[in-house]
Amino acid sequence: MSFMSQRSKELDASAAPDRTATLQLVIALARAYQALEQGVRPHLAQLGLGITEFAVLEVLYHKGALPLGELRDRILVTGASTTYVVKKLEERGLMRRRTCAEDQRVVFGELTAKGRALIDEVFPAHVDRLRDVLAGLSVSEKHAATRLLRRLGQHARRTTGARVTDDD
């Protein structure tokens, strides 16, 4: 066996633990997110809301009116999906679109009074449901997981050239 071939096998062997840990982490993240979603989806469905629709209402509730592009980035869906969800929420009278006075190319999304009333009613129960679903972790474990996941997300965004924000 040549020196180069031997060195290549040594590098492969040293990378194996990281490869395994990486794959295990991705699977664990996906399964955890799926379990969280399954924990809250029925509650939202009773209100006639999907996860993405709720996400739009929740972001507008906490951040106020936002340009639709920023809204899209915050709820992590494509532009076409955002347009579809916004249209559905508008048809239900829960939010509206408003063109920016300074720049006609920018369109804001904002809650209507009906949308604010709905999220005022729904959000406390949603948080309680999330607390139940996440009760398997202590408060300090939740803080540690948050720090690690934010760091992971920021690194992944930098690696892909995506914009990193203070919310990451």
C-alpha atoms as a PDB file:
ATOM      1  CA  MET A   1       0.000   0.000   0.000  1.00  0.00           C
ATOM      2  CA  SER A   2       1.357   3.391  -0.935  1.00  0.00           C
ATOM      3  CA  PHE A   3       1.871   6.189   1.589  1.00  0.00           C
ATOM      4  CA  MET A   4      -0.896   8.264  -0.087  1.00  0.00           C
ATOM      5  CA  SER A   5      -3.360   5.379   0.050  1.00  0.00           C
ATOM      6  CA  GLN A   6      -2.547   4.730   3.719  1.00  0.00           C
ATOM      7  CA  ARG A   7      -2.913   8.446   4.554  1.00  0.00           C
ATOM      8  CA  SER A   8      -6.286   8.572   2.755  1.00  0.00           C
ATOM      9  CA  LYS A   9      -7.583   5.633   4.821  1.00  0.00           C
ATOM     10  CA  GLU A  10      -6.384   7.298   8.037  1.00  0.00           C
ATOM     11  CA  LEU A  11      -8.226  10.500   7.115  1.00  0.00           C
ATOM     12  CA  ASP A  12     -11.379   8.531   6.272  1.00  0.00           C
ATOM     13  CA  ALA A  13     -11.189   6.725   9.614  1.00  0.00           C
ATOM     14  CA  SER A  14     -10.731   9.976  11.555  1.00  0.00           C
ATOM     15  CA  ALA A  15     -13.697  11.552   9.735  1.00  0.00           C
ATOM     16  CA  ALA A  16     -16.010   8.623  10.522  1.00  0.00           C
ATOM     17  CA  PRO A  17     -16.996   9.789  14.038  1.00  0.00           C
ATOM     18  CA  ASP A  18     -17.875  13.271  12.745  1.00  0.00           C
ATOM     19  CA  ARG A  19     -19.777  11.798   9.800  1.00  0.00           C
ATOM     20  CA  THR A  20     -21.801   9.560  12.119  1.00  0.00           C
ATOM     21  CA  ALA A  21     -22.469  12.379  14.606  1.00  0.00           C
ATOM     22  CA  THR A  22     -23.497  14.714  11.769  1.00  0.00           C
ATOM     23  CA  LEU A  23     -26.004  12.236  10.359  1.00  0.00           C
ATOM     24  CA  GLN A  24     -27.369  11.405  13.817  1.00  0.00           C
ATOM     25  CA  LEU A  25     -27.862  15.105  14.548  1.00  0.00           C
ATOM     26  CA  VAL A  26     -29.707  15.744  11.288  1.00  0.00           C
ATOM     27  CA  ILE A  27     -32.027  12.801  11.956  1.00  0.00           C
ATOM     28  CA  ALA A  28     -32.607  13.886  15.562  1.00  0.00           C
ATOM     29  CA  LEU A  29     -33.394  17.467  14.480  1.00  0.00           C
ATOM     30  CA  ALA A  30     -35.842  16.300  11.826  1.00  0.00           C
ATOM     31  CA  ARG A  31     -37.591  13.891  14.193  1.00  0.00           C
ATOM     32  CA  ALA A  32     -37.775  16.468  16.978  1.00  0.00           C
ATOM     33  CA  TYR A  33     -39.284  19.071  14.648  1.00  0.00           C
ATOM     34  CA  GLN A  34     -41.766  16.512  13.332  1.00  0.00           C
ATOM     35  CA  ALA A  35     -42.799  15.610  16.895  1.00  0.00           C
ATOM     36  CA  LEU A  36     -43.215  19.289  17.831  1.00  0.00           C
ATOM     37  CA  GLU A  37     -45.323  19.904  14.764  1.00  0.00           C
ATOM     38  CA  GLN A  38     -47.504  16.880  15.534  1.00  0.00           C
ATOM     39  CA  GLY A  39     -47.946  18.236  19.047  1.00  0.00           C
ATOM     40  CA  VAL A  40     -49.349  21.598  17.944  1.00  0.00           C
ATOM     41  CA  ARG A  41     -50.983  20.820  14.599  1.00  0.00           C
ATOM     42  CA  PRO A  42     -54.296  19.424  16.026  1.00  0.00           C
ATOM     43  CA  HIS A  43     -54.836  22.499  18.208  1.00  0.00           C
ATOM     44  CA  LEU A  44     -54.287  24.819  15.262  1.00  0.00           C
ATOM     45  CA  ALA A  45     -56.445  22.676  12.971  1.00  0.00           C
ATOM     46  CA  GLN A  46     -59.379  23.088  15.387  1.00  0.00           C
ATOM     47  CA  LEU A  47     -59.103  26.802  14.659  1.00  0.00           C
ATOM     48  CA  GLY A  48     -58.915  26.255  10.920  1.00  0.00           C
ATOM     49  CA  LEU A  49     -55.225  27.182  10.806  1.00  0.00           C
ATOM     50  CA  GLY A  50     -52.277  25.357   9.345  1.00  0.00           C
ATOM     51  CA  ILE A  51     -48.762  25.638  10.764  1.00  0.00           C
ATOM     52  CA  THR A  52     -47.675  28.176   8.127  1.00  0.00           C
ATOM     53  CA  GLU A  53     -50.814  30.281   8.512  1.00  0.00           C
ATOM     54  CA  PHE A  54     -50.290  30.384  12.256  1.00  0.00           C
ATOM     55  CA  ALA A  55     -46.624  31.280  11.730  1.00  0.00           C
ATOM     56  CA  VAL A  56     -47.621  34.300   9.606  1.00  0.00           C
ATOM     57  CA  LEU A  57     -50.138  35.498  12.193  1.00  0.00           C
ATOM     58  CA  GLU A  58     -47.682  34.916  15.047  1.00  0.00           C
ATOM     59  CA  VAL A  59     -44.866  36.865  13.370  1.00  0.00           C
ATOM     60  CA  LEU A  60     -47.159  39.802  12.579  1.00  0.00           C
ATOM     61  CA  TYR A  61     -48.524  39.668  16.131  1.00  0.00           C
ATOM     62  CA  HIS A  62     -45.064  39.954  17.671  1.00  0.00           C
ATOM     63  CA  LYS A  63     -43.242  42.068  15.070  1.00  0.00           C
ATOM     64  CA  GLY A  64     -46.014  44.255  13.685  1.00  0.00           C
ATOM     65  CA  ALA A  65     -46.445  45.041   9.986  1.00  0.00           C
ATOM     66  CA  LEU A  66     -43.604  43.609   7.872  1.00  0.00           C
ATOM     67  CA  PRO A  67     -42.628  43.675   4.209  1.00  0.00           C
ATOM     68  CA  LEU A  68     -43.782  40.382   2.675  1.00  0.00           C
ATOM     69  CA  GLY A  69     -40.179  39.467   1.789  1.00  0.00           C
ATOM     70  CA  GLU A  70     -39.140  39.767   5.418  1.00  0.00           C
ATOM     71  CA  LEU A  71     -42.239  37.861   6.481  1.00  0.00           C
ATOM     72  CA  ARG A  72     -41.261  35.078   4.058  1.00  0.00           C
ATOM     73  CA  ASP A  73     -37.747  34.928   5.527  1.00  0.00           C
ATOM     74  CA  ARG A  74     -39.075  34.754   9.080  1.00  0.00           C
ATOM     75  CA  ILE A  75     -41.491  31.894   8.437  1.00  0.00           C
ATOM     76  CA  LEU A  76     -39.001  29.979   6.277  1.00  0.00           C
ATOM     77  CA  VAL A  77     -41.105  29.309   3.182  1.00  0.00           C
ATOM     78  CA  THR A  78     -40.804  30.230  -0.479  1.00  0.00           C
ATOM     79  CA  GLY A  79     -42.208  33.410  -1.954  1.00  0.00           C
ATOM     80  CA  ALA A  80     -44.982  31.529  -3.768  1.00  0.00           C
ATOM     81  CA  SER A  81     -46.031  29.788  -0.558  1.00  0.00           C
ATOM     82  CA  THR A  82     -46.048  33.087   1.301  1.00  0.00           C
ATOM     83  CA  THR A  83     -48.287  34.630  -1.348  1.00  0.00           C
ATOM     84  CA  TYR A  84     -50.675  31.667  -1.136  1.00  0.00           C
ATOM     85  CA  VAL A  85     -50.879  31.765   2.673  1.00  0.00           C
ATOM     86  CA  VAL A  86     -51.244  35.560   2.788  1.00  0.00           C
ATOM     87  CA  LYS A  87     -54.070  35.354   0.246  1.00  0.00           C
ATOM     88  CA  LYS A  88     -55.879  32.717   2.334  1.00  0.00           C
ATOM     89  CA  LEU A  89     -55.510  34.805   5.501  1.00  0.00           C
ATOM     90  CA  GLU A  90     -56.725  37.925   3.653  1.00  0.00           C
ATOM     91  CA  GLU A  91     -59.791  36.045   2.401  1.00  0.00           C
ATOM     92  CA  ARG A  92     -60.585  35.140   6.012  1.00  0.00           C
ATOM     93  CA  GLY A  93     -60.167  38.779   7.048  1.00  0.00           C
ATOM     94  CA  LEU A  94     -57.250  37.978   9.385  1.00  0.00           C
ATOM     95  CA  MET A  95     -54.614  40.106   7.655  1.00  0.00           C
ATOM     96  CA  ARG A  96     -54.241  42.601   4.846  1.00  0.00           C
ATOM     97  CA  ARG A  97     -51.590  43.781   2.413  1.00  0.00           C
ATOM     98  CA  ARG A  98     -50.621  47.431   2.319  1.00  0.00           C
ATOM     99  CA  THR A  99     -48.344  49.117  -0.228  1.00  0.00           C
ATOM    100  CA  CYS A 100     -45.504  51.130   1.282  1.00  0.00           C
ATOM    101  CA  ALA A 101     -46.091  54.875   0.924  1.00  0.00           C
ATOM    102  CA  GLU A 102     -42.384  55.577   0.282  1.00  0.00           C
ATOM    103  CA  ASP A 103     -41.718  52.713  -2.148  1.00  0.00           C
ATOM    104  CA  GLN A 104     -44.609  51.284  -4.164  1.00  0.00           C
ATOM    105  CA  ARG A 105     -42.601  48.110  -4.857  1.00  0.00           C
ATOM    106  CA  VAL A 106     -42.710  47.146  -1.171  1.00  0.00           C
ATOM    107  CA  VAL A 107     -45.855  45.486   0.157  1.00  0.00           C
ATOM    108  CA  PHE A 108     -46.435  45.082   3.880  1.00  0.00           C
ATOM    109  CA  GLY A 109     -48.505  42.436   5.600  1.00  0.00           C
ATOM    110  CA  GLU A 110     -50.373  43.396   8.754  1.00  0.00           C
ATOM    111  CA  LEU A 111     -52.971  41.919  11.062  1.00  0.00           C
ATOM    112  CA  THR A 112     -56.556  43.094  10.916  1.00  0.00           C
ATOM    113  CA  ALA A 113     -58.541  43.609  14.125  1.00  0.00           C
ATOM    114  CA  LYS A 114     -60.084  40.175  13.532  1.00  0.00           C
ATOM    115  CA  GLY A 115     -56.629  38.615  13.093  1.00  0.00           C
ATOM    116  CA  ARG A 116     -55.316  40.287  16.246  1.00  0.00           C
ATOM    117  CA  ALA A 117     -58.349  39.104  18.223  1.00  0.00           C
ATOM    118  CA  LEU A 118     -57.810  35.535  16.996  1.00  0.00           C
ATOM    119  CA  ILE A 119     -54.115  35.454  17.845  1.00  0.00           C
ATOM    120  CA  ASP A 120     -54.796  37.146  21.213  1.00  0.00           C
ATOM    121  CA  GLU A 121     -57.106  34.247  21.992  1.00  0.00           C
ATOM    122  CA  VAL A 122     -55.024  31.429  20.478  1.00  0.00           C
ATOM    123  CA  PHE A 123     -51.454  32.305  21.385  1.00  0.00           C
ATOM    124  CA  PRO A 124     -51.573  31.607  25.155  1.00  0.00           C
ATOM    125  CA  ALA A 125     -53.007  28.119  24.547  1.00  0.00           C
ATOM    126  CA  HIS A 126     -50.407  27.531  21.830  1.00  0.00           C
ATOM    127  CA  VAL A 127     -47.594  28.389  24.240  1.00  0.00           C
ATOM    128  CA  ASP A 128     -49.111  26.062  26.852  1.00  0.00           C
ATOM    129  CA  ARG A 129     -49.198  23.277  24.263  1.00  0.00           C
ATOM    130  CA  LEU A 130     -45.559  23.919  23.338  1.00  0.00           C
ATOM    131  CA  ARG A 131     -44.609  23.834  27.017  1.00  0.00           C
ATOM    132  CA  ASP A 132     -46.313  20.435  27.352  1.00  0.00           C
ATOM    133  CA  VAL A 133     -44.553  19.086  24.271  1.00  0.00           C
ATOM    134  CA  LEU A 134     -41.162  20.419  25.415  1.00  0.00           C
ATOM    135  CA  ALA A 135     -41.561  19.406  29.076  1.00  0.00           C
ATOM    136  CA  GLY A 136     -38.961  16.683  28.523  1.00  0.00           C
ATOM    137  CA  LEU A 137     -36.250  19.332  28.889  1.00  0.00           C
ATOM    138  CA  SER A 138     -35.473  21.491  31.913  1.00  0.00           C
ATOM    139  CA  VAL A 139     -35.328  25.261  31.532  1.00  0.00           C
ATOM    140  CA  SER A 140     -31.510  25.182  31.493  1.00  0.00           C
ATOM    141  CA  GLU A 141     -31.551  22.421  28.853  1.00  0.00           C
ATOM    142  CA  LYS A 142     -33.913  24.514  26.733  1.00  0.00           C
ATOM    143  CA  HIS A 143     -31.521  27.480  27.000  1.00  0.00           C
ATOM    144  CA  ALA A 144     -28.543  25.267  26.082  1.00  0.00           C
ATOM    145  CA  ALA A 145     -30.406  23.754  23.120  1.00  0.00           C
ATOM    146  CA  THR A 146     -31.407  27.232  21.935  1.00  0.00           C
ATOM    147  CA  ARG A 147     -27.797  28.461  22.070  1.00  0.00           C
ATOM    148  CA  LEU A 148     -26.487  25.428  20.181  1.00  0.00           C
ATOM    149  CA  LEU A 149     -29.211  25.506  17.537  1.00  0.00           C
ATOM    150  CA  ARG A 150     -28.749  29.243  16.945  1.00  0.00           C
ATOM    151  CA  ARG A 151     -25.013  28.731  16.538  1.00  0.00           C
ATOM    152  CA  LEU A 152     -25.665  25.843  14.153  1.00  0.00           C
ATOM    153  CA  GLY A 153     -28.154  27.893  12.141  1.00  0.00           C
ATOM    154  CA  GLN A 154     -25.828  30.881  11.886  1.00  0.00           C
ATOM    155  CA  HIS A 155     -22.938  28.725  10.717  1.00  0.00           C
ATOM    156  CA  ALA A 156     -25.143  26.948   8.167  1.00  0.00           C
ATOM    157  CA  ARG A 157     -26.370  30.303   6.816  1.00  0.00           C
ATOM    158  CA  ARG A 158     -22.825  31.644   6.525  1.00  0.00           C
ATOM    159  CA  THR A 159     -21.723  28.428   4.793  1.00  0.00           C
ATOM    160  CA  THR A 160     -24.499  28.738   2.213  1.00  0.00           C
ATOM    161  CA  GLY A 161     -24.076  32.481   1.783  1.00  0.00           C
ATOM    162  CA  ALA A 162     -27.508  33.209   3.263  1.00  0.00           C
ATOM    163  CA  ARG A 163     -28.135  36.341   5.270  1.00  0.00           C
ATOM    164  CA  VAL A 164     -27.537  36.001   9.033  1.00  0.00           C
ATOM    165  CA  THR A 165     -29.781  38.154  11.195  1.00  0.00           C
ATOM    166  CA  ASP A 166     -30.047  38.949  14.908  1.00  0.00           C
ATOM    167  CA  ASP A 167     -33.034  36.594  15.045  1.00  0.00           C
ATOM    168  CA  ASP A 168     -30.936  33.602  13.959  1.00  0.00           C
END
